[in-house]
Amino acid sequence: MPEVQIEIGGRTFEVACQAGEEHYLQSAAKMLDEEASVLAAQIGRIPEPRMLLMAGLMLADKTAGLQDKLRETQDKLAEKDAELGQLRDAPTPEAQRIEVPVVPQEVTDTLAEIAARAEALAETVDGSRAG
């Protein structure tokens, strides 16, 4: 079982851990040290047991908050998964017939003829003004 030296609040500790878990211990010690440093900066020098207790409580508070957020996120995810399942299981909507009105060719021809007459009249009016 490896022994790892960790530093918390400016104090060094020898801690044993399982082989391969040294990295996790160092990471946890770093988090505890950060909380202890905040305490030391705010309060000054405090007895070691009290410093460790308060730093541990601060981490526990943060952890509890993160667990609450995780639970909320998991609940939202479960809701979305259920909604997605309902959408996947829903029957395929029936095809809808959409009718688009078509302008009859006679109307198109008549409009083209009216436009041509209007242009001819416009040219006649322009021609009589020029003269």
C-alpha atoms as a PDB file:
ATOM      1  CA  MET A   1       0.000   0.000   0.000  1.00  0.00           C
ATOM      2  CA  PRO A   2       1.687   3.214  -1.154  1.00  0.00           C
ATOM      3  CA  GLU A   3       2.223   6.134   1.213  1.00  0.00           C
ATOM      4  CA  VAL A   4       1.557   9.563  -0.272  1.00  0.00           C
ATOM      5  CA  GLN A   5       2.590  12.905   1.151  1.00  0.00           C
ATOM      6  CA  ILE A   6      -0.132  15.525   0.892  1.00  0.00           C
ATOM      7  CA  GLU A   7      -0.175  19.127   2.020  1.00  0.00           C
ATOM      8  CA  ILE A   8      -3.270  20.736   3.485  1.00  0.00           C
ATOM      9  CA  GLY A   9      -3.298  24.200   4.955  1.00  0.00           C
ATOM     10  CA  GLY A  10       0.480  24.400   4.954  1.00  0.00           C
ATOM     11  CA  ARG A  11       0.799  21.133   6.904  1.00  0.00           C
ATOM     12  CA  THR A  12       2.170  17.896   5.484  1.00  0.00           C
ATOM     13  CA  PHE A  13       0.511  14.533   6.089  1.00  0.00           C
ATOM     14  CA  GLU A  14       1.507  10.957   5.211  1.00  0.00           C
ATOM     15  CA  VAL A  15      -1.496   9.031   3.923  1.00  0.00           C
ATOM     16  CA  ALA A  16      -1.755   5.431   2.724  1.00  0.00           C
ATOM     17  CA  CYS A  17      -3.923   4.508  -0.251  1.00  0.00           C
ATOM     18  CA  GLN A  18      -4.570   1.622  -2.611  1.00  0.00           C
ATOM     19  CA  ALA A  19      -2.106   1.139  -5.441  1.00  0.00           C
ATOM     20  CA  GLY A  20      -3.199   3.144  -8.470  1.00  0.00           C
ATOM     21  CA  GLU A  21      -5.295   5.563  -6.408  1.00  0.00           C
ATOM     22  CA  GLU A  22      -2.508   8.037  -5.697  1.00  0.00           C
ATOM     23  CA  HIS A  23      -3.799  10.453  -8.320  1.00  0.00           C
ATOM     24  CA  TYR A  24      -7.284  10.498  -6.745  1.00  0.00           C
ATOM     25  CA  LEU A  25      -5.816  11.076  -3.301  1.00  0.00           C
ATOM     26  CA  GLN A  26      -3.681  13.956  -4.589  1.00  0.00           C
ATOM     27  CA  SER A  27      -6.729  15.468  -6.309  1.00  0.00           C
ATOM     28  CA  ALA A  28      -8.872  15.186  -3.166  1.00  0.00           C
ATOM     29  CA  ALA A  29      -6.062  16.622  -1.056  1.00  0.00           C
ATOM     30  CA  LYS A  30      -5.732  19.549  -3.450  1.00  0.00           C
ATOM     31  CA  MET A  31      -9.453  20.330  -3.109  1.00  0.00           C
ATOM     32  CA  LEU A  32      -9.231  20.124   0.690  1.00  0.00           C
ATOM     33  CA  ASP A  33      -6.105  22.301   0.667  1.00  0.00           C
ATOM     34  CA  GLU A  34      -7.886  24.959  -1.404  1.00  0.00           C
ATOM     35  CA  GLU A  35     -10.713  25.111   1.158  1.00  0.00           C
ATOM     36  CA  ALA A  36      -8.211  25.174   4.035  1.00  0.00           C
ATOM     37  CA  SER A  37      -6.339  28.035   2.345  1.00  0.00           C
ATOM     38  CA  VAL A  38      -9.585  30.029   2.109  1.00  0.00           C
ATOM     39  CA  LEU A  39     -10.179  29.445   5.814  1.00  0.00           C
ATOM     40  CA  ALA A  40      -6.616  30.401   6.728  1.00  0.00           C
ATOM     41  CA  ALA A  41      -6.922  33.596   4.698  1.00  0.00           C
ATOM     42  CA  GLN A  42     -10.240  34.513   6.356  1.00  0.00           C
ATOM     43  CA  ILE A  43      -9.629  33.391   9.928  1.00  0.00           C
ATOM     44  CA  GLY A  44      -5.875  33.096  10.280  1.00  0.00           C
ATOM     45  CA  ARG A  45      -4.111  30.213  11.980  1.00  0.00           C
ATOM     46  CA  ILE A  46      -6.563  27.720  13.479  1.00  0.00           C
ATOM     47  CA  PRO A  47      -5.990  24.347  15.138  1.00  0.00           C
ATOM     48  CA  GLU A  48      -5.441  21.509  12.688  1.00  0.00           C
ATOM     49  CA  PRO A  49      -8.533  19.425  13.631  1.00  0.00           C
ATOM     50  CA  ARG A  50     -10.811  22.470  13.359  1.00  0.00           C
ATOM     51  CA  MET A  51      -9.272  23.516  10.037  1.00  0.00           C
ATOM     52  CA  LEU A  52      -9.746  20.025   8.581  1.00  0.00           C
ATOM     53  CA  LEU A  53     -13.306  19.815   9.929  1.00  0.00           C
ATOM     54  CA  MET A  54     -14.313  23.199   8.516  1.00  0.00           C
ATOM     55  CA  ALA A  55     -12.617  22.563   5.153  1.00  0.00           C
ATOM     56  CA  GLY A  56     -14.306  19.155   4.976  1.00  0.00           C
ATOM     57  CA  LEU A  57     -17.681  20.712   5.760  1.00  0.00           C
ATOM     58  CA  MET A  58     -17.182  23.338   3.056  1.00  0.00           C
ATOM     59  CA  LEU A  59     -16.414  20.597   0.526  1.00  0.00           C
ATOM     60  CA  ALA A  60     -19.395  18.569   1.734  1.00  0.00           C
ATOM     61  CA  ASP A  61     -21.631  21.617   1.224  1.00  0.00           C
ATOM     62  CA  LYS A  62     -20.353  22.078  -2.327  1.00  0.00           C
ATOM     63  CA  THR A  63     -20.803  18.365  -2.986  1.00  0.00           C
ATOM     64  CA  ALA A  64     -24.382  18.438  -1.668  1.00  0.00           C
ATOM     65  CA  GLY A  65     -25.166  21.373  -3.980  1.00  0.00           C
ATOM     66  CA  LEU A  66     -23.684  19.528  -6.949  1.00  0.00           C
ATOM     67  CA  GLN A  67     -25.651  16.398  -6.070  1.00  0.00           C
ATOM     68  CA  ASP A  68     -28.861  18.441  -6.019  1.00  0.00           C
ATOM     69  CA  LYS A  69     -28.040  19.897  -9.429  1.00  0.00           C
ATOM     70  CA  LEU A  70     -27.168  16.435 -10.714  1.00  0.00           C
ATOM     71  CA  ARG A  71     -30.508  15.068  -9.485  1.00  0.00           C
ATOM     72  CA  GLU A  72     -32.374  17.937 -11.177  1.00  0.00           C
ATOM     73  CA  THR A  73     -30.465  17.355 -14.399  1.00  0.00           C
ATOM     74  CA  GLN A  74     -31.142  13.622 -14.258  1.00  0.00           C
ATOM     75  CA  ASP A  75     -34.862  14.296 -13.690  1.00  0.00           C
ATOM     76  CA  LYS A  76     -34.951  16.662 -16.682  1.00  0.00           C
ATOM     77  CA  LEU A  77     -33.093  14.109 -18.779  1.00  0.00           C
ATOM     78  CA  ALA A  78     -35.564  11.393 -17.761  1.00  0.00           C
ATOM     79  CA  GLU A  79     -38.444  13.695 -18.784  1.00  0.00           C
ATOM     80  CA  LYS A  80     -36.838  14.387 -22.152  1.00  0.00           C
ATOM     81  CA  ASP A  81     -36.117  10.680 -22.679  1.00  0.00           C
ATOM     82  CA  ALA A  82     -39.764   9.865 -21.937  1.00  0.00           C
ATOM     83  CA  GLU A  83     -40.916  12.612 -24.310  1.00  0.00           C
ATOM     84  CA  LEU A  84     -38.556  11.354 -26.995  1.00  0.00           C
ATOM     85  CA  GLY A  85     -39.843   7.811 -26.486  1.00  0.00           C
ATOM     86  CA  GLN A  86     -43.425   9.019 -26.884  1.00  0.00           C
ATOM     87  CA  LEU A  87     -42.535  10.829 -30.089  1.00  0.00           C
ATOM     88  CA  ARG A  88     -40.755   7.761 -31.461  1.00  0.00           C
ATOM     89  CA  ASP A  89     -43.649   5.486 -30.541  1.00  0.00           C
ATOM     90  CA  ALA A  90     -46.318   7.838 -31.875  1.00  0.00           C
ATOM     91  CA  PRO A  91     -48.015   6.686 -35.065  1.00  0.00           C
ATOM     92  CA  THR A  92     -46.854   8.286 -38.255  1.00  0.00           C
ATOM     93  CA  PRO A  93     -49.247  11.088 -39.141  1.00  0.00           C
ATOM     94  CA  GLU A  94     -51.451  10.454 -42.137  1.00  0.00           C
ATOM     95  CA  ALA A  95     -50.521  12.186 -45.331  1.00  0.00           C
ATOM     96  CA  GLN A  96     -52.621  15.247 -45.970  1.00  0.00           C
ATOM     97  CA  ARG A  97     -53.949  16.209 -49.324  1.00  0.00           C
ATOM     98  CA  ILE A  98     -53.175  19.802 -50.138  1.00  0.00           C
ATOM     99  CA  GLU A  99     -54.891  21.387 -53.094  1.00  0.00           C
ATOM    100  CA  VAL A 100     -53.210  24.244 -54.839  1.00  0.00           C
ATOM    101  CA  PRO A 101     -55.450  26.334 -57.054  1.00  0.00           C
ATOM    102  CA  VAL A 102     -54.353  26.384 -60.662  1.00  0.00           C
ATOM    103  CA  VAL A 103     -55.114  29.373 -62.869  1.00  0.00           C
ATOM    104  CA  PRO A 104     -56.859  28.092 -65.996  1.00  0.00           C
ATOM    105  CA  GLN A 105     -54.992  28.650 -69.244  1.00  0.00           C
ATOM    106  CA  GLU A 106     -57.903  30.724 -70.616  1.00  0.00           C
ATOM    107  CA  VAL A 107     -57.490  33.245 -67.792  1.00  0.00           C
ATOM    108  CA  THR A 108     -53.732  33.412 -68.354  1.00  0.00           C
ATOM    109  CA  ASP A 109     -54.259  33.979 -72.090  1.00  0.00           C
ATOM    110  CA  THR A 110     -56.889  36.656 -71.437  1.00  0.00           C
ATOM    111  CA  LEU A 111     -54.604  38.467 -68.977  1.00  0.00           C
ATOM    112  CA  ALA A 112     -51.752  38.353 -71.502  1.00  0.00           C
ATOM    113  CA  GLU A 113     -54.049  39.796 -74.163  1.00  0.00           C
ATOM    114  CA  ILE A 114     -55.204  42.587 -71.805  1.00  0.00           C
ATOM    115  CA  ALA A 115     -51.580  43.379 -70.969  1.00  0.00           C
ATOM    116  CA  ALA A 116     -50.679  43.573 -74.657  1.00  0.00           C
ATOM    117  CA  ARG A 117     -53.611  45.932 -75.326  1.00  0.00           C
ATOM    118  CA  ALA A 118     -52.631  48.105 -72.351  1.00  0.00           C
ATOM    119  CA  GLU A 119     -49.070  48.355 -73.692  1.00  0.00           C
ATOM    120  CA  ALA A 120     -50.365  49.249 -77.159  1.00  0.00           C
ATOM    121  CA  LEU A 121     -52.597  51.964 -75.679  1.00  0.00           C
ATOM    122  CA  ALA A 122     -49.680  53.286 -73.652  1.00  0.00           C
ATOM    123  CA  GLU A 123     -47.552  53.502 -76.810  1.00  0.00           C
ATOM    124  CA  THR A 124     -50.405  55.281 -78.622  1.00  0.00           C
ATOM    125  CA  VAL A 125     -50.753  57.805 -75.778  1.00  0.00           C
ATOM    126  CA  ASP A 126     -46.977  58.334 -75.659  1.00  0.00           C
ATOM    127  CA  GLY A 127     -46.895  58.724 -79.466  1.00  0.00           C
ATOM    128  CA  SER A 128     -49.654  61.360 -79.455  1.00  0.00           C
ATOM    129  CA  ARG A 129     -47.873  63.344 -76.750  1.00  0.00           C
ATOM    130  CA  ALA A 130     -44.618  63.343 -78.683  1.00  0.00           C
ATOM    131  CA  GLY A 131     -46.287  64.629 -81.824  1.00  0.00           C
END
